[in-house]
């Protein structure tokens, strides 16, 4: 069986369900500025890197703000909601992370969220559960570019083709596949079809390290 070198987790929508908080922050911004924003607009941004999201929101809402200022305002709202309500972990995600730790499989968090938001999420997890963390403000090019996953693999000193990425979005899946990873997709807000380089599962409940090894082996055959 193909050796599993590392497991690379997306965060928003995969490890925890932060997407409703992002969407609420987008609608709150639209309300503050008297702008138009729809559910379809919000869904199209799922999985996008934050500079792209900021630029789209600026244009769609007609805001006299820079994309970076849009992102900063969104982050303020999302972090406030997170600190008030706490993260909602996706079914089976933390259990799979625990299983990887117990099995000695290196892990990384690869997210397009910025470090100050990621820190607020991870404070509820024991320190050291991820060997490395790659955030959107640490990479020059975000998902769907392969750079975030390539950076994670490089920091872990592993071959991306020996890694399984856990994703829930189209940009994230494209990023991981372009980096050479096998992808386990857990669709949440957006449907994603199966393909030779990805496995689509309904949830991570009852998914263990041996399952990831089998998925990787099947994708490499």
N, C-alpha and C. Protein backbone atom coordinates (compact mmCIF):
# COMPACT_ATOMS: atom_id res chain seq x y z
N UNK A 1 0.85 -1.19 0.00
CA UNK A 1 0.00 0.00 0.00
C UNK A 1 0.88 1.24 0.00
N UNK A 2 0.48 2.28 -0.74
CA UNK A 2 1.23 3.52 -0.81
C UNK A 2 1.34 4.16 0.57
N UNK A 3 2.56 4.60 0.91
CA UNK A 3 2.78 5.20 2.23
C UNK A 3 2.11 6.56 2.32
N UNK A 4 1.40 6.77 3.41
CA UNK A 4 0.76 8.06 3.67
C UNK A 4 1.78 8.94 4.38
N UNK A 5 2.25 9.98 3.70
CA UNK A 5 3.31 10.82 4.28
C UNK A 5 2.77 11.91 5.19
N UNK A 6 1.57 12.43 4.90
CA UNK A 6 0.99 13.49 5.74
C UNK A 6 -0.47 13.68 5.37
N UNK A 7 -1.21 14.27 6.30
CA UNK A 7 -2.61 14.63 6.05
C UNK A 7 -2.72 16.15 6.21
N UNK A 8 -3.27 16.79 5.20
CA UNK A 8 -3.35 18.25 5.14
C UNK A 8 -4.81 18.67 5.20
N UNK A 9 -5.17 19.35 6.26
CA UNK A 9 -6.57 19.73 6.50
C UNK A 9 -6.85 21.17 6.08
N UNK A 10 -7.92 21.36 5.33
CA UNK A 10 -8.50 22.68 5.19
C UNK A 10 -9.21 23.02 6.50
N UNK A 11 -9.53 24.30 6.72
CA UNK A 11 -10.19 24.67 7.96
C UNK A 11 -11.66 25.04 7.76
N UNK A 12 -11.93 26.14 7.06
CA UNK A 12 -13.29 26.66 6.96
C UNK A 12 -14.18 25.70 6.17
N UNK A 13 -15.17 25.14 6.84
CA UNK A 13 -16.09 24.21 6.20
C UNK A 13 -15.64 22.77 6.24
N UNK A 14 -14.37 22.53 6.59
CA UNK A 14 -13.83 21.17 6.63
C UNK A 14 -13.54 20.74 8.07
N UNK A 15 -12.66 21.47 8.73
CA UNK A 15 -12.37 21.20 10.15
C UNK A 15 -13.50 21.74 11.03
N UNK A 16 -13.94 22.94 10.72
CA UNK A 16 -15.04 23.54 11.49
C UNK A 16 -15.94 24.34 10.56
N UNK A 17 -17.17 24.51 10.97
CA UNK A 17 -18.16 25.16 10.11
C UNK A 17 -18.17 26.65 10.39
N UNK A 18 -17.22 27.35 9.79
CA UNK A 18 -17.14 28.80 9.95
C UNK A 18 -17.86 29.55 8.83
N UNK A 19 -18.25 28.82 7.77
CA UNK A 19 -18.84 29.50 6.62
C UNK A 19 -20.06 30.35 6.99
N UNK A 20 -20.98 29.87 7.85
CA UNK A 20 -22.12 30.73 8.21
C UNK A 20 -21.68 32.06 8.83
N UNK A 21 -20.59 32.05 9.59
CA UNK A 21 -20.10 33.29 10.19
C UNK A 21 -19.55 34.24 9.13
N UNK A 22 -18.83 33.68 8.14
CA UNK A 22 -18.34 34.51 7.04
C UNK A 22 -19.51 35.11 6.26
N UNK A 23 -20.50 34.27 5.96
CA UNK A 23 -21.65 34.75 5.19
C UNK A 23 -22.40 35.83 5.96
N UNK A 24 -22.58 35.62 7.26
CA UNK A 24 -23.26 36.62 8.09
C UNK A 24 -22.49 37.94 8.10
N UNK A 25 -21.16 37.85 8.16
CA UNK A 25 -20.33 39.06 8.14
C UNK A 25 -20.46 39.80 6.82
N UNK A 26 -20.57 39.04 5.72
CA UNK A 26 -20.75 39.67 4.41
C UNK A 26 -22.08 40.41 4.33
N UNK A 27 -23.15 39.78 4.80
CA UNK A 27 -24.46 40.43 4.77
C UNK A 27 -24.49 41.63 5.71
N UNK A 28 -23.82 41.53 6.86
CA UNK A 28 -23.76 42.66 7.78
C UNK A 28 -23.04 43.85 7.14
N UNK A 29 -21.98 43.56 6.39
CA UNK A 29 -21.27 44.63 5.69
C UNK A 29 -22.16 45.28 4.65
N UNK A 30 -22.88 44.45 3.90
CA UNK A 30 -23.80 44.99 2.89
C UNK A 30 -24.84 45.90 3.54
N UNK A 31 -25.35 45.49 4.69
CA UNK A 31 -26.35 46.30 5.39
C UNK A 31 -25.75 47.62 5.87
N UNK A 32 -24.52 47.58 6.37
CA UNK A 32 -23.88 48.81 6.86
C UNK A 32 -23.71 49.84 5.76
N UNK A 33 -23.41 49.35 4.56
CA UNK A 33 -23.12 50.27 3.46
C UNK A 33 -24.30 50.44 2.50
N UNK A 34 -25.44 49.84 2.84
CA UNK A 34 -26.61 49.96 1.97
C UNK A 34 -26.39 49.33 0.61
N UNK A 35 -25.64 48.23 0.58
CA UNK A 35 -25.28 47.57 -0.67
C UNK A 35 -26.10 46.31 -0.88
N UNK A 36 -26.03 45.78 -2.08
CA UNK A 36 -26.73 44.55 -2.43
C UNK A 36 -25.79 43.36 -2.29
N UNK A 37 -26.28 42.30 -1.66
CA UNK A 37 -25.52 41.05 -1.52
C UNK A 37 -26.52 39.91 -1.44
N UNK A 38 -26.24 38.81 -2.13
CA UNK A 38 -27.18 37.70 -2.18
C UNK A 38 -26.53 36.42 -1.68
N UNK A 39 -27.37 35.44 -1.41
CA UNK A 39 -26.86 34.13 -0.99
C UNK A 39 -25.97 33.54 -2.09
N UNK A 40 -26.35 33.74 -3.34
CA UNK A 40 -25.53 33.23 -4.46
C UNK A 40 -24.16 33.89 -4.47
N UNK A 41 -24.11 35.20 -4.19
CA UNK A 41 -22.81 35.89 -4.10
C UNK A 41 -21.95 35.23 -3.02
N UNK A 42 -22.55 34.97 -1.87
CA UNK A 42 -21.81 34.39 -0.75
C UNK A 42 -21.30 32.99 -1.08
N UNK A 43 -22.13 32.18 -1.70
CA UNK A 43 -21.73 30.81 -2.04
C UNK A 43 -20.56 30.81 -3.01
N UNK A 44 -20.54 31.76 -3.94
CA UNK A 44 -19.45 31.81 -4.92
C UNK A 44 -18.10 32.11 -4.26
N UNK A 45 -18.11 32.68 -3.08
CA UNK A 45 -16.85 33.01 -2.41
C UNK A 45 -16.31 31.88 -1.54
N UNK A 46 -17.09 30.83 -1.33
CA UNK A 46 -16.65 29.75 -0.45
C UNK A 46 -15.36 29.11 -0.98
N UNK A 47 -14.36 29.08 -0.12
CA UNK A 47 -13.07 28.48 -0.49
C UNK A 47 -12.11 29.42 -1.17
N UNK A 48 -12.56 30.63 -1.53
CA UNK A 48 -11.67 31.57 -2.19
C UNK A 48 -10.67 32.17 -1.20
N UNK A 49 -9.52 32.59 -1.73
CA UNK A 49 -8.57 33.29 -0.88
C UNK A 49 -9.14 34.67 -0.54
N UNK A 50 -8.70 35.23 0.58
CA UNK A 50 -9.30 36.47 1.08
C UNK A 50 -9.03 37.69 0.20
N UNK A 51 -7.85 37.87 -0.40
CA UNK A 51 -7.69 39.01 -1.31
C UNK A 51 -8.69 38.98 -2.47
N UNK A 52 -8.92 37.79 -3.02
CA UNK A 52 -9.92 37.67 -4.09
C UNK A 52 -11.30 37.99 -3.57
N UNK A 53 -11.64 37.43 -2.40
CA UNK A 53 -12.95 37.71 -1.81
C UNK A 53 -13.13 39.19 -1.55
N UNK A 54 -12.10 39.85 -1.02
CA UNK A 54 -12.18 41.28 -0.75
C UNK A 54 -12.42 42.08 -2.01
N UNK A 55 -11.74 41.70 -3.10
CA UNK A 55 -11.91 42.41 -4.37
C UNK A 55 -13.31 42.21 -4.93
N UNK A 56 -13.82 40.98 -4.83
CA UNK A 56 -15.16 40.69 -5.34
C UNK A 56 -16.21 41.47 -4.55
N UNK A 57 -16.08 41.48 -3.23
CA UNK A 57 -17.05 42.20 -2.39
C UNK A 57 -16.99 43.70 -2.67
N UNK A 58 -15.79 44.24 -2.78
CA UNK A 58 -15.63 45.67 -3.09
C UNK A 58 -16.38 46.03 -4.36
N UNK A 59 -16.17 45.22 -5.42
CA UNK A 59 -16.80 45.51 -6.71
C UNK A 59 -18.31 45.29 -6.66
N UNK A 60 -18.71 44.16 -6.09
CA UNK A 60 -20.15 43.81 -6.08
C UNK A 60 -20.95 44.79 -5.24
N UNK A 61 -20.39 45.23 -4.11
CA UNK A 61 -21.10 46.16 -3.22
C UNK A 61 -20.85 47.62 -3.56
N UNK A 62 -19.89 47.86 -4.49
CA UNK A 62 -19.58 49.24 -4.86
C UNK A 62 -18.99 50.04 -3.71
N UNK A 63 -18.08 49.42 -2.97
CA UNK A 63 -17.53 50.05 -1.76
C UNK A 63 -16.33 50.94 -2.07
N UNK A 64 -16.22 52.04 -1.37
CA UNK A 64 -15.07 52.92 -1.48
C UNK A 64 -14.02 52.50 -0.45
N UNK A 65 -13.64 51.24 -0.53
CA UNK A 65 -12.65 50.64 0.36
C UNK A 65 -11.68 49.83 -0.49
N UNK A 66 -10.46 49.65 0.01
CA UNK A 66 -9.55 48.74 -0.66
C UNK A 66 -9.96 47.30 -0.35
N UNK A 67 -9.58 46.34 -1.19
CA UNK A 67 -9.86 44.94 -0.86
C UNK A 67 -9.32 44.53 0.50
N UNK A 68 -8.13 45.03 0.87
CA UNK A 68 -7.57 44.69 2.18
C UNK A 68 -8.43 45.24 3.31
N UNK A 69 -8.98 46.44 3.13
CA UNK A 69 -9.85 47.02 4.15
C UNK A 69 -11.14 46.23 4.28
N UNK A 70 -11.64 45.74 3.15
CA UNK A 70 -12.84 44.89 3.17
C UNK A 70 -12.55 43.63 3.99
N UNK A 71 -11.41 43.01 3.73
CA UNK A 71 -11.04 41.78 4.45
C UNK A 71 -10.89 42.05 5.94
N UNK A 72 -10.25 43.15 6.30
CA UNK A 72 -10.07 43.48 7.72
C UNK A 72 -11.42 43.64 8.42
N UNK A 73 -12.36 44.30 7.75
CA UNK A 73 -13.68 44.50 8.35
C UNK A 73 -14.42 43.18 8.50
N UNK A 74 -14.31 42.32 7.48
CA UNK A 74 -14.94 41.00 7.58
C UNK A 74 -14.34 40.20 8.73
N UNK A 75 -13.02 40.21 8.83
CA UNK A 75 -12.36 39.45 9.89
C UNK A 75 -12.80 39.91 11.27
N UNK A 76 -12.96 41.21 11.45
CA UNK A 76 -13.42 41.71 12.74
C UNK A 76 -14.76 41.08 13.12
N UNK A 77 -15.68 41.02 12.15
CA UNK A 77 -17.00 40.46 12.42
C UNK A 77 -16.97 38.97 12.68
N UNK A 78 -16.17 38.25 11.90
CA UNK A 78 -16.12 36.80 12.04
C UNK A 78 -15.44 36.40 13.35
N UNK A 79 -14.38 37.09 13.71
CA UNK A 79 -13.69 36.78 14.96
C UNK A 79 -14.58 37.09 16.15
N UNK A 80 -15.32 38.18 16.09
CA UNK A 80 -16.25 38.50 17.18
C UNK A 80 -17.28 37.39 17.36
N UNK A 81 -17.82 36.89 16.24
CA UNK A 81 -18.80 35.80 16.32
C UNK A 81 -18.17 34.53 16.87
N UNK A 82 -16.95 34.25 16.44
CA UNK A 82 -16.26 33.04 16.89
C UNK A 82 -15.98 33.09 18.39
N UNK A 83 -15.51 34.23 18.86
CA UNK A 83 -15.20 34.36 20.28
C UNK A 83 -16.45 34.30 21.15
N UNK A 84 -17.58 34.71 20.57
CA UNK A 84 -18.85 34.67 21.31
C UNK A 84 -19.43 33.26 21.35
N UNK A 85 -19.44 32.60 20.19
CA UNK A 85 -20.13 31.31 20.07
C UNK A 85 -19.21 30.10 20.08
N UNK A 86 -17.91 30.30 19.79
CA UNK A 86 -16.99 29.18 19.69
C UNK A 86 -17.11 28.48 18.34
N UNK A 87 -16.11 27.71 17.94
CA UNK A 87 -16.16 27.00 16.66
C UNK A 87 -17.12 25.82 16.71
N UNK A 88 -17.72 25.52 15.58
CA UNK A 88 -18.56 24.33 15.43
C UNK A 88 -17.76 23.32 14.62
N UNK A 89 -17.27 22.28 15.26
CA UNK A 89 -16.43 21.30 14.58
C UNK A 89 -17.27 20.44 13.66
N UNK A 90 -16.75 20.15 12.48
CA UNK A 90 -17.45 19.30 11.52
C UNK A 90 -17.42 17.85 12.01
N UNK A 91 -18.48 17.09 11.76
CA UNK A 91 -18.55 15.71 12.25
C UNK A 91 -17.35 14.87 11.81
N UNK A 92 -16.68 14.28 12.78
CA UNK A 92 -15.57 13.37 12.51
C UNK A 92 -14.23 14.03 12.27
N UNK A 93 -14.20 15.36 12.12
CA UNK A 93 -12.95 16.03 11.76
C UNK A 93 -11.92 15.98 12.88
N UNK A 94 -12.33 16.35 14.08
CA UNK A 94 -11.39 16.33 15.20
C UNK A 94 -10.96 14.90 15.51
N UNK A 95 -11.89 13.96 15.39
CA UNK A 95 -11.56 12.55 15.64
C UNK A 95 -10.51 12.05 14.65
N UNK A 96 -10.61 12.46 13.38
CA UNK A 96 -9.61 12.06 12.40
C UNK A 96 -8.27 12.71 12.71
N UNK A 97 -8.28 13.95 13.14
CA UNK A 97 -7.04 14.62 13.53
C UNK A 97 -6.39 13.89 14.70
N UNK A 98 -7.19 13.48 15.68
CA UNK A 98 -6.67 12.72 16.82
C UNK A 98 -6.06 11.41 16.35
N UNK A 99 -6.73 10.73 15.41
CA UNK A 99 -6.24 9.45 14.90
C UNK A 99 -4.91 9.63 14.18
N UNK A 100 -4.77 10.71 13.42
CA UNK A 100 -3.50 10.98 12.74
C UNK A 100 -2.39 11.21 13.76
N UNK A 101 -2.68 12.00 14.78
CA UNK A 101 -1.69 12.24 15.84
C UNK A 101 -1.29 10.94 16.52
N UNK A 102 -2.28 10.11 16.85
CA UNK A 102 -2.01 8.85 17.53
C UNK A 102 -1.20 7.90 16.66
N UNK A 103 -1.42 7.96 15.35
CA UNK A 103 -0.72 7.07 14.43
C UNK A 103 0.61 7.61 13.96
N UNK A 104 1.00 8.78 14.45
CA UNK A 104 2.28 9.35 14.06
C UNK A 104 2.31 9.91 12.65
N UNK A 105 1.14 10.23 12.09
CA UNK A 105 1.07 10.78 10.74
C UNK A 105 1.19 12.30 10.83
N UNK A 106 2.16 12.91 10.16
CA UNK A 106 2.28 14.36 10.21
C UNK A 106 1.02 15.05 9.69
N UNK A 107 0.69 16.19 10.27
CA UNK A 107 -0.51 16.92 9.87
C UNK A 107 -0.19 18.39 9.66
N UNK A 108 -0.97 19.00 8.76
CA UNK A 108 -0.87 20.44 8.54
C UNK A 108 -2.27 21.01 8.40
N UNK A 109 -2.42 22.25 8.82
CA UNK A 109 -3.63 23.00 8.53
C UNK A 109 -3.30 23.95 7.39
N UNK A 110 -4.06 23.86 6.31
CA UNK A 110 -3.79 24.68 5.12
C UNK A 110 -5.07 25.47 4.82
N UNK A 111 -5.08 26.72 5.22
CA UNK A 111 -6.29 27.52 5.15
C UNK A 111 -6.02 28.87 4.51
N UNK A 112 -7.04 29.41 3.86
CA UNK A 112 -6.93 30.75 3.31
C UNK A 112 -7.35 31.81 4.30
N UNK A 113 -7.84 31.43 5.47
CA UNK A 113 -8.10 32.40 6.52
C UNK A 113 -6.78 32.96 7.03
N UNK A 114 -6.84 34.17 7.58
CA UNK A 114 -5.63 34.82 8.06
C UNK A 114 -5.31 34.38 9.49
N UNK A 115 -4.05 34.59 9.87
CA UNK A 115 -3.54 34.02 11.12
C UNK A 115 -4.34 34.46 12.34
N UNK A 116 -4.79 35.72 12.38
CA UNK A 116 -5.48 36.16 13.59
C UNK A 116 -6.82 35.45 13.77
N UNK A 117 -7.45 35.05 12.66
CA UNK A 117 -8.68 34.28 12.77
C UNK A 117 -8.37 32.82 13.10
N UNK A 118 -7.34 32.27 12.46
CA UNK A 118 -6.95 30.89 12.72
C UNK A 118 -6.57 30.70 14.18
N UNK A 119 -5.86 31.66 14.74
CA UNK A 119 -5.48 31.57 16.15
C UNK A 119 -6.71 31.49 17.05
N UNK A 120 -7.75 32.23 16.69
CA UNK A 120 -8.99 32.22 17.49
C UNK A 120 -9.69 30.87 17.41
N UNK A 121 -9.58 30.20 16.26
CA UNK A 121 -10.18 28.87 16.10
C UNK A 121 -9.37 27.83 16.87
N UNK A 122 -8.06 27.85 16.69
CA UNK A 122 -7.22 26.78 17.24
C UNK A 122 -7.01 26.87 18.74
N UNK A 123 -7.39 27.98 19.35
CA UNK A 123 -7.21 28.08 20.80
C UNK A 123 -8.03 27.03 21.54
N UNK A 124 -9.05 26.46 20.88
CA UNK A 124 -9.88 25.44 21.51
C UNK A 124 -9.35 24.03 21.26
N UNK A 125 -8.24 23.91 20.53
CA UNK A 125 -7.61 22.60 20.32
C UNK A 125 -6.32 22.55 21.14
N UNK A 126 -5.95 21.36 21.63
CA UNK A 126 -4.67 21.25 22.35
C UNK A 126 -3.50 21.67 21.46
N UNK A 127 -2.53 22.32 22.04
CA UNK A 127 -1.34 22.75 21.30
C UNK A 127 -0.64 21.54 20.69
N UNK A 128 -0.14 21.71 19.47
CA UNK A 128 0.63 20.66 18.84
C UNK A 128 -0.16 19.67 18.02
N UNK A 129 -1.47 19.86 17.90
CA UNK A 129 -2.26 18.92 17.11
C UNK A 129 -1.93 19.02 15.63
N UNK A 130 -1.52 20.19 15.19
CA UNK A 130 -1.02 20.35 13.82
C UNK A 130 0.48 20.58 13.88
N UNK A 131 1.21 19.85 13.05
CA UNK A 131 2.66 20.03 13.02
C UNK A 131 3.02 21.39 12.44
N UNK A 132 2.29 21.82 11.43
CA UNK A 132 2.51 23.16 10.87
C UNK A 132 1.16 23.74 10.46
N UNK A 133 1.12 25.06 10.38
CA UNK A 133 -0.09 25.77 9.96
C UNK A 133 0.30 26.74 8.85
N UNK A 134 -0.41 26.67 7.73
CA UNK A 134 -0.21 27.61 6.62
C UNK A 134 -1.48 28.43 6.48
N UNK A 135 -1.36 29.75 6.60
CA UNK A 135 -2.52 30.63 6.52
C UNK A 135 -2.46 31.49 5.25
N UNK A 136 -3.58 32.10 4.94
CA UNK A 136 -3.68 32.86 3.69
C UNK A 136 -2.76 34.06 3.62
N UNK A 137 -2.41 34.63 4.77
CA UNK A 137 -1.51 35.78 4.77
C UNK A 137 -0.04 35.38 4.83
N UNK A 138 0.24 34.07 4.71
CA UNK A 138 1.62 33.59 4.69
C UNK A 138 2.07 33.17 3.30
N UNK A 139 1.15 33.16 2.33
CA UNK A 139 1.50 32.70 0.98
C UNK A 139 1.22 33.81 -0.02
N UNK A 140 2.04 33.84 -1.08
CA UNK A 140 1.87 34.88 -2.10
C UNK A 140 0.66 34.62 -2.98
N UNK A 141 0.33 33.35 -3.18
CA UNK A 141 -0.80 32.98 -4.03
C UNK A 141 -1.67 31.99 -3.27
N UNK A 142 -2.95 32.29 -3.19
CA UNK A 142 -3.87 31.44 -2.44
C UNK A 142 -4.58 30.43 -3.31
N UNK A 143 -5.38 29.58 -2.66
CA UNK A 143 -6.20 28.62 -3.39
C UNK A 143 -7.08 29.38 -4.39
N UNK A 144 -7.24 28.88 -5.61
CA UNK A 144 -6.96 27.53 -6.13
C UNK A 144 -5.54 27.28 -6.62
N UNK A 145 -4.64 28.25 -6.49
CA UNK A 145 -3.24 28.01 -6.83
C UNK A 145 -2.69 26.90 -5.93
N UNK A 146 -1.78 26.07 -6.42
CA UNK A 146 -1.24 24.98 -5.60
C UNK A 146 -0.30 25.43 -4.49
N UNK A 147 0.10 26.71 -4.49
CA UNK A 147 1.13 27.19 -3.56
C UNK A 147 0.88 26.83 -2.10
N UNK A 148 -0.34 27.01 -1.55
CA UNK A 148 -0.52 26.71 -0.13
C UNK A 148 -0.18 25.27 0.23
N UNK A 149 -0.61 24.33 -0.61
CA UNK A 149 -0.33 22.92 -0.32
C UNK A 149 1.14 22.57 -0.58
N UNK A 150 1.74 23.21 -1.57
CA UNK A 150 3.16 22.98 -1.81
C UNK A 150 4.00 23.51 -0.65
N UNK A 151 3.62 24.66 -0.12
CA UNK A 151 4.32 25.21 1.05
C UNK A 151 4.19 24.27 2.24
N UNK A 152 2.99 23.76 2.46
CA UNK A 152 2.77 22.84 3.59
C UNK A 152 3.63 21.59 3.45
N UNK A 153 3.65 21.00 2.25
CA UNK A 153 4.45 19.80 2.04
C UNK A 153 5.93 20.08 2.23
N UNK A 154 6.38 21.23 1.76
CA UNK A 154 7.78 21.60 1.91
C UNK A 154 8.15 21.77 3.39
N UNK A 155 7.28 22.42 4.15
CA UNK A 155 7.55 22.62 5.58
C UNK A 155 7.57 21.30 6.34
N UNK A 156 6.75 20.35 5.89
CA UNK A 156 6.73 19.03 6.53
C UNK A 156 7.83 18.11 5.99
N UNK A 157 8.50 18.56 4.91
CA UNK A 157 9.53 17.76 4.24
C UNK A 157 8.96 16.44 3.74
N UNK A 158 7.82 16.54 3.05
CA UNK A 158 7.18 15.36 2.46
C UNK A 158 6.88 15.65 0.99
N UNK A 159 6.64 14.58 0.25
CA UNK A 159 6.25 14.68 -1.16
C UNK A 159 4.74 14.90 -1.23
N UNK A 160 4.28 15.95 -1.92
CA UNK A 160 2.83 16.18 -2.01
C UNK A 160 2.06 14.98 -2.55
N UNK A 161 2.70 14.18 -3.41
CA UNK A 161 1.99 13.03 -3.98
C UNK A 161 1.77 11.93 -2.95
N UNK A 162 2.43 12.03 -1.81
CA UNK A 162 2.20 11.08 -0.73
C UNK A 162 1.27 11.62 0.34
N UNK A 163 0.63 12.75 0.04
CA UNK A 163 -0.24 13.41 1.02
C UNK A 163 -1.71 13.26 0.64
N UNK A 164 -2.55 13.23 1.65
CA UNK A 164 -4.00 13.33 1.46
C UNK A 164 -4.44 14.68 2.01
N UNK A 165 -5.16 15.42 1.18
CA UNK A 165 -5.73 16.70 1.61
C UNK A 165 -7.21 16.50 1.88
N UNK A 166 -7.71 17.13 2.93
CA UNK A 166 -9.12 17.07 3.28
C UNK A 166 -9.72 18.43 2.95
N UNK A 167 -10.69 18.46 2.03
CA UNK A 167 -11.23 19.73 1.53
C UNK A 167 -12.75 19.69 1.42
N UNK A 168 -13.34 20.87 1.29
CA UNK A 168 -14.80 20.94 1.10
C UNK A 168 -15.20 21.87 -0.03
N UNK A 169 -14.24 22.57 -0.64
CA UNK A 169 -14.60 23.59 -1.63
C UNK A 169 -13.95 23.31 -2.98
N UNK A 170 -14.48 23.95 -4.01
CA UNK A 170 -13.92 23.80 -5.36
C UNK A 170 -12.53 24.42 -5.45
N UNK A 171 -12.31 25.67 -4.99
CA UNK A 171 -10.95 26.21 -5.05
C UNK A 171 -9.94 25.40 -4.24
N UNK A 172 -10.35 24.94 -3.07
CA UNK A 172 -9.44 24.15 -2.24
C UNK A 172 -9.08 22.83 -2.86
N UNK A 173 -10.08 22.17 -3.44
CA UNK A 173 -9.84 20.89 -4.12
C UNK A 173 -8.90 21.09 -5.30
N UNK A 174 -9.13 22.14 -6.08
CA UNK A 174 -8.27 22.43 -7.23
C UNK A 174 -6.84 22.71 -6.78
N UNK A 175 -6.68 23.43 -5.69
CA UNK A 175 -5.35 23.74 -5.16
C UNK A 175 -4.61 22.47 -4.77
N UNK A 176 -5.27 21.61 -4.01
CA UNK A 176 -4.63 20.38 -3.54
C UNK A 176 -4.29 19.45 -4.69
N UNK A 177 -5.20 19.32 -5.64
CA UNK A 177 -4.94 18.45 -6.79
C UNK A 177 -3.80 18.98 -7.64
N UNK A 178 -3.75 20.30 -7.84
CA UNK A 178 -2.67 20.89 -8.63
C UNK A 178 -1.31 20.69 -7.95
N UNK A 179 -1.32 20.58 -6.63
CA UNK A 179 -0.08 20.33 -5.88
C UNK A 179 0.33 18.87 -5.95
N UNK A 180 -0.57 17.99 -6.40
CA UNK A 180 -0.27 16.57 -6.51
C UNK A 180 -0.84 15.71 -5.42
N UNK A 181 -1.64 16.30 -4.54
CA UNK A 181 -2.23 15.54 -3.43
C UNK A 181 -3.44 14.73 -3.89
N UNK A 182 -3.69 13.63 -3.19
CA UNK A 182 -4.98 12.96 -3.28
C UNK A 182 -5.93 13.71 -2.36
N UNK A 183 -7.16 13.94 -2.81
CA UNK A 183 -8.08 14.79 -2.04
C UNK A 183 -9.28 13.98 -1.57
N UNK A 184 -9.57 14.08 -0.29
CA UNK A 184 -10.82 13.57 0.26
C UNK A 184 -11.73 14.79 0.41
N UNK A 185 -12.81 14.78 -0.35
CA UNK A 185 -13.74 15.92 -0.37
C UNK A 185 -14.94 15.60 0.51
N UNK A 186 -15.24 16.53 1.40
CA UNK A 186 -16.42 16.42 2.26
C UNK A 186 -17.33 17.59 1.91
N UNK A 187 -18.16 17.45 0.87
CA UNK A 187 -18.98 18.59 0.44
C UNK A 187 -19.86 19.08 1.58
N UNK A 188 -19.96 20.39 1.66
CA UNK A 188 -20.76 20.98 2.73
C UNK A 188 -21.77 21.97 2.14
N UNK A 189 -21.30 23.10 1.67
CA UNK A 189 -22.19 24.09 1.08
C UNK A 189 -22.24 23.99 -0.45
N UNK A 190 -21.23 23.34 -1.04
CA UNK A 190 -21.12 23.28 -2.50
C UNK A 190 -20.86 21.83 -2.92
N UNK A 191 -21.60 21.34 -3.90
CA UNK A 191 -21.41 19.97 -4.40
C UNK A 191 -20.13 19.90 -5.23
N UNK A 192 -19.39 18.80 -5.06
CA UNK A 192 -18.15 18.57 -5.81
C UNK A 192 -18.16 17.13 -6.30
N UNK A 193 -18.04 16.91 -7.61
CA UNK A 193 -18.09 15.54 -8.13
C UNK A 193 -16.82 14.76 -7.84
N UNK A 194 -16.92 13.43 -7.88
CA UNK A 194 -15.75 12.57 -7.72
C UNK A 194 -14.90 12.61 -8.98
N UNK A 195 -13.63 12.22 -8.84
CA UNK A 195 -12.72 12.12 -9.99
C UNK A 195 -11.61 11.15 -9.61
N UNK A 196 -10.75 10.76 -10.57
CA UNK A 196 -9.69 9.81 -10.24
C UNK A 196 -8.74 10.27 -9.14
N UNK A 197 -8.58 11.59 -8.96
CA UNK A 197 -7.64 12.09 -7.96
C UNK A 197 -8.32 12.52 -6.67
N UNK A 198 -9.61 12.23 -6.55
CA UNK A 198 -10.32 12.62 -5.32
C UNK A 198 -11.35 11.58 -4.94
N UNK A 199 -11.66 11.55 -3.66
CA UNK A 199 -12.70 10.69 -3.12
C UNK A 199 -13.71 11.60 -2.44
N UNK A 200 -14.97 11.42 -2.74
CA UNK A 200 -16.02 12.23 -2.13
C UNK A 200 -16.72 11.38 -1.06
N UNK A 201 -16.75 11.89 0.17
CA UNK A 201 -17.41 11.20 1.27
C UNK A 201 -18.48 12.11 1.86
N UNK A 202 -19.48 11.51 2.49
CA UNK A 202 -20.57 12.30 3.06
C UNK A 202 -20.12 13.04 4.31
N UNK A 203 -19.24 12.43 5.10
CA UNK A 203 -18.69 13.07 6.29
C UNK A 203 -17.41 12.35 6.67
N UNK A 204 -16.70 12.88 7.63
CA UNK A 204 -15.47 12.24 8.12
C UNK A 204 -15.73 11.29 9.27
N UNK A 205 -16.98 11.13 9.65
CA UNK A 205 -17.32 10.19 10.72
C UNK A 205 -16.89 8.78 10.29
N UNK A 206 -16.18 8.10 11.17
CA UNK A 206 -15.70 6.73 10.95
C UNK A 206 -14.61 6.64 9.88
N UNK A 207 -14.06 7.77 9.43
CA UNK A 207 -12.92 7.75 8.52
C UNK A 207 -11.65 7.76 9.37
N UNK A 208 -10.78 6.75 9.16
CA UNK A 208 -9.55 6.65 9.93
C UNK A 208 -8.33 6.71 9.05
N UNK A 209 -7.16 6.59 9.67
CA UNK A 209 -5.91 6.66 8.93
C UNK A 209 -5.83 5.56 7.88
N UNK A 210 -6.31 4.36 8.23
CA UNK A 210 -6.25 3.26 7.26
C UNK A 210 -7.12 3.55 6.04
N UNK A 211 -8.21 4.26 6.22
CA UNK A 211 -9.04 4.65 5.07
C UNK A 211 -8.29 5.64 4.17
N UNK A 212 -7.61 6.58 4.78
CA UNK A 212 -6.83 7.55 3.99
C UNK A 212 -5.72 6.85 3.22
N UNK A 213 -5.08 5.86 3.86
CA UNK A 213 -4.05 5.08 3.16
C UNK A 213 -4.65 4.36 1.96
N UNK A 214 -5.84 3.81 2.13
CA UNK A 214 -6.50 3.10 1.03
C UNK A 214 -6.89 4.06 -0.09
N UNK A 215 -7.39 5.24 0.27
CA UNK A 215 -7.75 6.25 -0.74
C UNK A 215 -6.52 6.65 -1.54
N UNK A 216 -5.41 6.86 -0.84
CA UNK A 216 -4.17 7.27 -1.51
C UNK A 216 -3.69 6.18 -2.45
N UNK A 217 -3.72 4.93 -2.00
CA UNK A 217 -3.28 3.81 -2.83
C UNK A 217 -4.14 3.68 -4.08
N UNK A 218 -5.45 3.81 -3.92
CA UNK A 218 -6.36 3.69 -5.06
C UNK A 218 -6.13 4.79 -6.08
N UNK A 219 -5.86 6.01 -5.60
CA UNK A 219 -5.64 7.13 -6.50
C UNK A 219 -4.33 6.99 -7.26
N UNK A 220 -3.37 6.29 -6.67
CA UNK A 220 -2.05 6.15 -7.30
C UNK A 220 -1.95 4.93 -8.20
N UNK A 221 -2.93 4.03 -8.16
CA UNK A 221 -2.90 2.83 -9.00
C UNK A 221 -3.14 3.19 -10.48
